[in-house]
Amino acid sequence: MNAPAPRISILIATLNSGRTLRPCLESIRAQDYPAEALEIVVADGGSTDDTLAIARDCGVTRIVPNPLKTGEAGKSAAAAAATGDIFALVDSDNILPDRDWLATMAAPFADPEVVASEPLHYTRRPEDGDLTRYFAMLGMTDPLCLFIGNYDRHCAVTGKWTEIPMETADQGGWIKVFVKAGRPTPTFGANGFLIRRSALSAVAWQPYWFDVDVMRDVAAAAPDGRVCVAKVDCGIVHLYCRTLGEFARKQKRRVRDFLYFSPVRERAIVPGEHKRIVWGIVRFSLATLGVVPLLLQRFRGARRMPDPAWSLHVPVCFITLWIYSTTFLGKCLGFRQAPLSRDNWRQ
């Protein structure tokens, strides 16, 4: 007799997400997964567009308020209201590309050692915009991560899904990855990340769920300081942005939020990580200003995945360097740090 399907709560944080929410929810509702074992919890930060109407029209299980507005607070608010045994973090700009996506992602949980699962790559569709296709091929939405070597999806430039040394075991269809306390950890935690509710019992995830810290915290709380993540050989669509201006706005939000919330997170730098980060920042800065290394990366990526969207690699890196430089300079000069306002925010 087959074991019953695990009960899954899909957690979605929204704030004026009307442009992308409907295809996201429709892809969830199209899943070949037992309806009685699935719920969708939306945490809304005060949308003034048609986000809530779309959520109700698509039959989400419940909508809860997110007065703190940020995506991290929204994930926390949705998790607090969820009832499933497994939480699935799906952003409002994600699309599940196949009807069996949820079942495929949940399958590794039959192994009791697995506490979380995550897609191995982003899905690139011909109909998506240039920036969506570019970031899907790059395997990340921040090119600085490429130079630091800390990312968690397959990258066409390097041919790897991360450059963090990890103990792994191929399971056929998915890779068992062992996360160890006190060791560098890839940026697991978003865009289709699933995790057992029980694994969060010793982790502080309220009022903000900082996704890239979750697996590190879970490993630190484990009795032997070691937990397992399944990297599943499937993808997920991430409609990150349509224009370079929209990308710049999201990068600014990311950096400002990081600086503001860093004292709250109290995230310890593990041995070897500080050197990796500093050296990565130096390499990124020199490569961007020198341009030629970026062109070589673009060439390597295009050889593996031919696509005219690789032309965006140079401008994306320049925008990223400018935003990081000006934002960190402001902090060094003593300007007041605050998260980017969510007023009039649109997905």
Protein backbone atom coordinates (compact mmCIF):
# COMPACT_ATOMS: atom_id res chain seq x y z
CA MET A 1 0.00 0.00 0.00
CA ASN A 2 1.34 3.43 -0.94
CA ALA A 3 1.92 5.90 1.87
CA PRO A 4 -0.50 8.86 1.88
CA ALA A 5 0.75 12.04 0.23
CA PRO A 6 2.26 14.45 2.78
CA ARG A 7 0.12 17.45 3.64
CA ILE A 8 1.67 20.50 2.00
CA SER A 9 1.06 24.16 2.78
CA ILE A 10 2.12 26.50 -0.02
CA LEU A 11 3.17 29.85 1.46
CA ILE A 12 2.95 32.95 -0.74
CA ALA A 13 3.78 36.51 0.32
CA THR A 14 2.10 39.19 -1.79
CA LEU A 15 2.08 42.95 -2.15
CA ASN A 16 0.45 44.32 -5.30
CA SER A 17 1.33 41.11 -7.11
CA GLY A 18 -1.54 41.26 -9.59
CA ARG A 19 0.71 41.02 -12.64
CA THR A 20 2.13 37.60 -11.76
CA LEU A 21 -0.15 36.04 -9.15
CA ARG A 22 -2.79 34.49 -11.41
CA PRO A 23 -0.40 32.30 -13.47
CA CYS A 24 1.32 31.35 -10.22
CA LEU A 25 -1.90 30.18 -8.56
CA GLU A 26 -3.22 28.54 -11.72
CA SER A 27 -0.04 26.47 -11.96
CA ILE A 28 -0.56 25.35 -8.35
CA ARG A 29 -4.21 24.50 -8.89
CA ALA A 30 -3.22 22.47 -11.98
CA GLN A 31 -0.99 20.15 -9.94
CA ASP A 32 -1.68 16.44 -10.01
CA TYR A 33 -1.65 16.25 -6.22
CA PRO A 34 -4.42 15.22 -3.79
CA ALA A 35 -6.55 18.28 -3.12
CA GLU A 36 -7.20 17.22 0.47
CA ALA A 37 -3.44 17.23 1.13
CA LEU A 38 -2.82 20.73 -0.24
CA GLU A 39 -3.53 24.23 1.04
CA ILE A 40 -2.48 27.66 -0.23
CA VAL A 41 -1.86 30.40 2.33
CA VAL A 42 -1.39 33.96 1.08
CA ALA A 43 0.05 36.63 3.40
CA ASP A 44 -0.74 40.04 1.97
CA GLY A 45 1.08 43.24 2.85
CA GLY A 46 -1.82 45.58 2.05
CA SER A 47 -2.29 45.28 -1.71
CA THR A 48 -4.25 48.02 -3.44
CA ASP A 49 -4.42 46.37 -6.86
CA ASP A 50 -6.35 43.22 -7.80
CA THR A 51 -4.09 40.83 -5.86
CA LEU A 52 -6.71 39.83 -3.29
CA ALA A 53 -9.45 39.45 -5.91
CA ILE A 54 -7.18 37.13 -7.90
CA ALA A 55 -6.35 35.12 -4.79
CA ARG A 56 -10.03 34.60 -3.99
CA ASP A 57 -10.91 33.86 -7.61
CA CYS A 58 -8.21 31.18 -7.72
CA GLY A 59 -9.53 29.58 -4.53
CA VAL A 60 -6.68 30.02 -2.08
CA THR A 61 -7.31 28.35 1.26
CA ARG A 62 -6.81 31.45 3.39
CA ILE A 63 -5.52 35.01 3.23
CA VAL A 64 -3.78 36.48 6.27
CA PRO A 65 -2.49 40.02 6.86
CA ASN A 66 1.19 40.92 6.73
CA PRO A 67 1.40 44.30 8.49
CA LEU A 68 5.23 44.35 8.25
CA LYS A 69 4.88 44.21 4.43
CA THR A 70 8.25 42.62 3.57
CA GLY A 71 8.53 39.25 1.87
CA GLU A 72 10.38 37.83 4.89
CA ALA A 73 7.55 38.91 7.20
CA GLY A 74 4.99 37.55 4.74
CA LYS A 75 6.56 34.09 4.72
CA SER A 76 6.53 34.10 8.51
CA ALA A 77 2.88 35.21 8.67
CA ALA A 78 1.84 32.55 6.16
CA ALA A 79 3.76 29.83 8.03
CA ALA A 80 2.08 30.79 11.31
CA ALA A 81 -1.33 30.21 9.71
CA ALA A 82 -0.42 27.02 7.85
CA THR A 83 -1.45 23.53 8.91
CA GLY A 84 0.59 21.25 6.63
CA ASP A 85 3.40 18.88 7.52
CA ILE A 86 5.56 20.40 4.78
CA PHE A 87 5.85 24.09 3.95
CA ALA A 88 6.46 25.04 0.31
CA LEU A 89 7.80 28.55 -0.25
CA VAL A 90 6.53 29.71 -3.61
CA ASP A 91 6.91 33.37 -4.57
CA SER A 92 4.08 35.22 -6.28
CA ASP A 93 6.26 35.48 -9.41
CA ASN A 94 6.94 31.73 -9.59
CA ILE A 95 5.20 29.32 -11.95
CA LEU A 96 5.27 25.56 -11.44
CA PRO A 97 6.21 24.34 -14.93
CA ASP A 98 4.73 20.81 -14.84
CA ARG A 99 1.61 19.17 -13.42
CA ASP A 100 3.73 16.69 -11.47
CA TRP A 101 6.06 19.35 -10.01
CA LEU A 102 4.70 19.16 -6.46
CA ALA A 103 4.69 15.37 -6.38
CA THR A 104 8.25 15.31 -7.74
CA MET A 105 9.44 17.80 -5.13
CA ALA A 106 7.69 15.93 -2.31
CA ALA A 107 8.96 12.46 -3.29
CA PRO A 108 12.38 12.75 -1.52
CA PHE A 109 10.59 13.23 1.82
CA ALA A 110 9.94 9.49 1.77
CA ASP A 111 13.54 9.36 2.97
CA PRO A 112 13.30 10.28 6.68
CA GLU A 113 16.76 11.84 6.53
CA VAL A 114 15.55 14.55 4.11
CA VAL A 115 14.32 17.70 5.85
CA ALA A 116 14.00 19.95 2.77
CA SER A 117 13.94 19.88 -1.02
CA GLU A 118 14.60 22.44 -3.72
CA PRO A 119 14.69 22.51 -7.57
CA LEU A 120 18.10 22.06 -9.14
CA HIS A 121 17.58 24.78 -11.74
CA TYR A 122 15.33 27.56 -13.01
CA THR A 123 13.11 26.84 -15.99
CA ARG A 124 13.77 28.87 -19.16
CA ARG A 125 10.76 29.18 -21.46
CA PRO A 126 10.94 30.69 -24.97
CA GLU A 127 7.93 32.91 -24.27
CA ASP A 128 9.49 34.57 -21.21
CA GLY A 129 11.15 37.98 -21.35
CA ASP A 130 14.88 38.48 -21.84
CA LEU A 131 15.64 39.16 -18.16
CA THR A 132 13.66 36.14 -16.99
CA ARG A 133 15.54 33.90 -19.42
CA TYR A 134 18.89 35.48 -18.52
CA PHE A 135 18.47 34.95 -14.79
CA ALA A 136 17.22 31.39 -15.38
CA MET A 137 20.42 30.59 -17.29
CA LEU A 138 22.59 32.41 -14.75
CA GLY A 139 20.94 30.41 -11.95
CA MET A 140 20.64 33.41 -9.63
CA THR A 141 19.22 36.94 -9.55
CA ASP A 142 22.32 38.64 -8.14
CA PRO A 143 25.50 38.33 -10.26
CA LEU A 144 27.66 39.07 -7.22
CA CYS A 145 26.80 35.55 -6.02
CA LEU A 146 28.50 34.18 -9.13
CA PHE A 147 31.82 35.69 -8.07
CA ILE A 148 31.40 34.68 -4.43
CA GLY A 149 30.53 31.17 -5.61
CA ASN A 150 27.51 30.91 -3.33
CA TYR A 151 24.35 30.12 -5.27
CA ASP A 152 21.95 27.18 -5.34
CA ARG A 153 20.68 26.63 -8.91
CA HIS A 154 22.45 25.37 -12.01
CA CYS A 155 24.53 28.12 -13.62
CA ALA A 156 25.32 27.96 -17.34
CA VAL A 157 28.50 30.02 -16.82
CA THR A 158 30.12 27.49 -14.48
CA GLY A 159 28.16 24.33 -15.25
CA LYS A 160 27.61 23.89 -11.48
CA TRP A 161 24.71 24.42 -9.09
CA THR A 162 27.02 25.80 -6.38
CA GLU A 163 30.72 26.32 -5.74
CA ILE A 164 30.41 25.73 -2.00
CA PRO A 165 32.09 22.38 -1.21
CA MET A 166 29.31 20.03 -0.11
CA GLU A 167 29.02 16.34 0.72
CA THR A 168 26.56 14.88 -1.80
CA ALA A 169 25.12 11.54 -2.90
CA ASP A 170 23.33 11.00 -6.22
CA GLN A 171 19.95 9.34 -5.67
CA GLY A 172 18.86 9.22 -9.32
CA GLY A 173 16.51 12.11 -10.04
CA TRP A 174 17.73 14.04 -7.03
CA ILE A 175 20.91 14.73 -5.11
CA LYS A 176 21.21 14.26 -1.37
CA VAL A 177 23.13 17.27 -0.04
CA PHE A 178 24.41 17.31 3.54
CA VAL A 179 24.37 20.67 5.32
CA LYS A 180 26.69 20.85 8.32
CA ALA A 181 26.70 23.29 11.20
CA GLY A 182 29.58 25.73 11.17
CA ARG A 183 30.24 25.23 7.45
CA PRO A 184 29.39 27.49 4.48
CA THR A 185 25.93 26.74 3.10
CA PRO A 186 24.48 27.47 -0.36
CA THR A 187 21.64 29.99 -0.56
CA PHE A 188 18.87 27.43 -0.09
CA GLY A 189 15.44 28.66 0.86
CA ALA A 190 13.26 30.33 -1.80
CA ASN A 191 11.55 29.91 -5.19
CA GLY A 192 10.12 26.45 -4.70
CA PHE A 193 11.83 25.44 -1.46
CA LEU A 194 10.04 22.78 0.62
CA ILE A 195 10.81 22.05 4.28
CA ARG A 196 9.33 19.85 7.00
CA ARG A 197 7.39 21.78 9.62
CA SER A 198 9.10 19.69 12.30
CA ALA A 199 12.55 20.89 11.17
CA LEU A 200 11.57 24.45 12.11
CA SER A 201 10.73 23.68 15.74
CA ALA A 202 14.12 24.86 17.01
CA VAL A 203 14.53 27.72 14.51
CA ALA A 204 13.57 31.37 15.02
CA TRP A 205 11.41 32.27 12.00
CA GLN A 206 9.09 34.89 13.50
CA PRO A 207 8.41 37.71 12.75
CA TYR A 208 10.82 37.45 9.78
CA TRP A 209 11.62 34.29 7.80
CA PHE A 210 15.11 34.92 6.36
CA ASP A 211 15.12 32.13 3.81
CA VAL A 212 18.87 31.96 3.09
CA ASP A 213 19.54 31.39 6.81
CA VAL A 214 16.97 28.66 7.43
CA MET A 215 19.04 25.59 6.51
CA ARG A 216 22.06 26.86 8.39
CA ASP A 217 19.90 27.35 11.48
CA VAL A 218 18.25 23.92 11.08
CA ALA A 219 21.67 22.24 10.86
CA ALA A 220 22.88 24.12 13.94
CA ALA A 221 19.85 22.88 15.88
CA ALA A 222 20.20 19.24 14.76
CA PRO A 223 21.54 16.81 17.40
CA ASP A 224 24.55 15.88 15.26
CA GLY A 225 24.83 19.27 13.49
CA ARG A 226 24.04 17.69 10.13
CA VAL A 227 20.88 17.66 7.99
CA CYS A 228 19.97 16.65 4.45
CA VAL A 229 18.52 18.71 1.59
CA ALA A 230 17.29 17.10 -1.63
CA LYS A 231 18.26 18.97 -4.80
CA VAL A 232 15.63 17.68 -7.20
CA ASP A 233 16.28 17.47 -10.94
CA CYS A 234 13.48 19.80 -11.98
CA GLY A 235 13.01 23.54 -12.44
CA ILE A 236 10.72 26.41 -11.54
CA VAL A 237 9.87 29.58 -13.46
CA HIS A 238 10.86 32.85 -11.82
CA LEU A 239 9.36 35.94 -13.49
CA TYR A 240 11.82 38.18 -11.67
CA CYS A 241 11.56 41.41 -13.65
CA ARG A 242 10.81 42.81 -17.10
CA THR A 243 13.16 45.79 -17.43
CA LEU A 244 16.59 46.86 -16.21
CA GLY A 245 14.90 49.65 -14.27
CA GLU A 246 12.76 47.14 -12.43
CA PHE A 247 15.85 45.03 -11.76
CA ALA A 248 17.66 48.07 -10.31
CA ARG A 249 14.71 48.77 -8.02
CA LYS A 250 14.69 45.17 -6.75
CA GLN A 251 18.46 45.16 -6.23
CA LYS A 252 18.19 48.36 -4.22
CA ARG A 253 15.47 46.80 -2.10
CA ARG A 254 17.59 43.68 -1.55
CA VAL A 255 20.69 45.62 -0.44
CA ARG A 256 18.81 48.13 1.72
CA ASP A 257 16.89 45.34 3.45
CA PHE A 258 20.09 43.38 4.03
CA LEU A 259 21.82 46.31 5.72
CA TYR A 260 18.78 47.12 7.83
CA PHE A 261 18.05 43.59 9.00
CA SER A 262 21.64 42.40 9.49
CA PRO A 263 21.70 43.32 13.22
CA VAL A 264 18.40 41.50 13.72
CA ARG A 265 19.62 38.33 12.02
CA GLU A 266 22.84 38.09 14.07
CA ARG A 267 24.20 35.85 11.33
CA ALA A 268 27.61 34.48 12.26
CA ILE A 269 30.22 34.25 9.53
CA VAL A 270 31.52 30.69 9.49
CA PRO A 271 35.25 29.92 9.01
CA GLY A 272 36.40 30.59 5.47
CA GLU A 273 33.22 32.43 4.48
CA HIS A 274 34.52 35.94 5.16
CA LYS A 275 37.51 35.42 2.90
CA ARG A 276 35.28 34.01 0.15
CA ILE A 277 32.92 36.99 0.36
CA VAL A 278 35.67 39.64 0.36
CA TRP A 279 37.57 38.00 -2.48
CA GLY A 280 34.32 37.60 -4.43
CA ILE A 281 33.48 41.28 -4.04
CA VAL A 282 36.96 42.27 -5.23
CA ARG A 283 36.75 39.94 -8.24
CA PHE A 284 33.26 41.19 -9.10
CA SER A 285 34.31 44.84 -8.91
CA LEU A 286 37.44 44.36 -11.03
CA ALA A 287 35.63 42.17 -13.58
CA THR A 288 32.79 44.65 -13.98
CA LEU A 289 35.06 47.65 -14.36
CA GLY A 290 37.31 45.71 -16.73
CA VAL A 291 34.35 44.37 -18.76
CA VAL A 292 36.42 41.67 -20.53
CA PRO A 293 35.90 39.02 -17.78
CA LEU A 294 32.16 39.61 -18.08
CA LEU A 295 32.33 39.08 -21.83
CA LEU A 296 34.18 35.80 -21.25
CA GLN A 297 31.48 34.68 -18.80
CA ARG A 298 28.84 35.65 -21.32
CA PHE A 299 30.63 33.56 -23.97
CA ARG A 300 30.87 30.51 -21.69
CA GLY A 301 27.21 30.77 -20.74
CA ALA A 302 26.09 31.16 -24.36
CA ARG A 303 28.09 28.09 -25.38
CA ARG A 304 26.12 25.96 -22.92
CA MET A 305 22.77 27.72 -23.43
CA PRO A 306 22.62 29.81 -26.62
CA ASP A 307 20.27 32.75 -26.10
CA PRO A 308 20.45 36.45 -27.05
CA ALA A 309 19.47 37.29 -23.45
CA TRP A 310 23.14 36.86 -22.48
CA SER A 311 23.63 40.42 -23.80
CA LEU A 312 22.16 41.55 -20.46
CA HIS A 313 25.07 40.18 -18.42
CA VAL A 314 27.22 43.32 -18.67
CA PRO A 315 24.51 45.91 -17.85
CA VAL A 316 23.14 43.76 -15.00
CA CYS A 317 26.61 43.58 -13.44
CA PHE A 318 27.16 47.35 -13.81
CA ILE A 319 23.80 48.12 -12.20
CA THR A 320 24.57 45.73 -9.35
CA LEU A 321 28.01 47.24 -8.74
CA TRP A 322 26.57 50.76 -8.69
CA ILE A 323 23.80 49.91 -6.22
CA TYR A 324 26.05 47.97 -3.85
CA SER A 325 28.71 50.70 -3.97
CA THR A 326 26.41 53.66 -3.36
CA THR A 327 24.37 51.89 -0.67
CA PHE A 328 27.39 50.67 1.31
CA LEU A 329 29.05 54.08 0.91
CA GLY A 330 25.99 55.65 2.49
CA LYS A 331 26.28 53.29 5.44
CA CYS A 332 29.99 54.07 5.86
CA LEU A 333 29.21 57.80 5.84
CA GLY A 334 26.70 57.30 8.63
CA PHE A 335 23.46 57.82 6.74
CA ARG A 336 20.42 56.35 8.48
CA GLN A 337 19.71 52.80 7.34
CA ALA A 338 16.13 51.84 6.53
CA PRO A 339 14.48 49.23 4.32
CA LEU A 340 13.24 50.47 0.96
CA SER A 341 9.68 51.75 1.30
CA ARG A 342 6.95 49.38 0.08
CA ASP A 343 4.61 52.30 -0.68
CA ASN A 344 3.33 51.98 -4.26
CA TRP A 345 5.28 48.72 -4.65
CA ARG A 346 4.34 46.64 -7.67
CA GLN A 347 5.48 43.13 -8.50
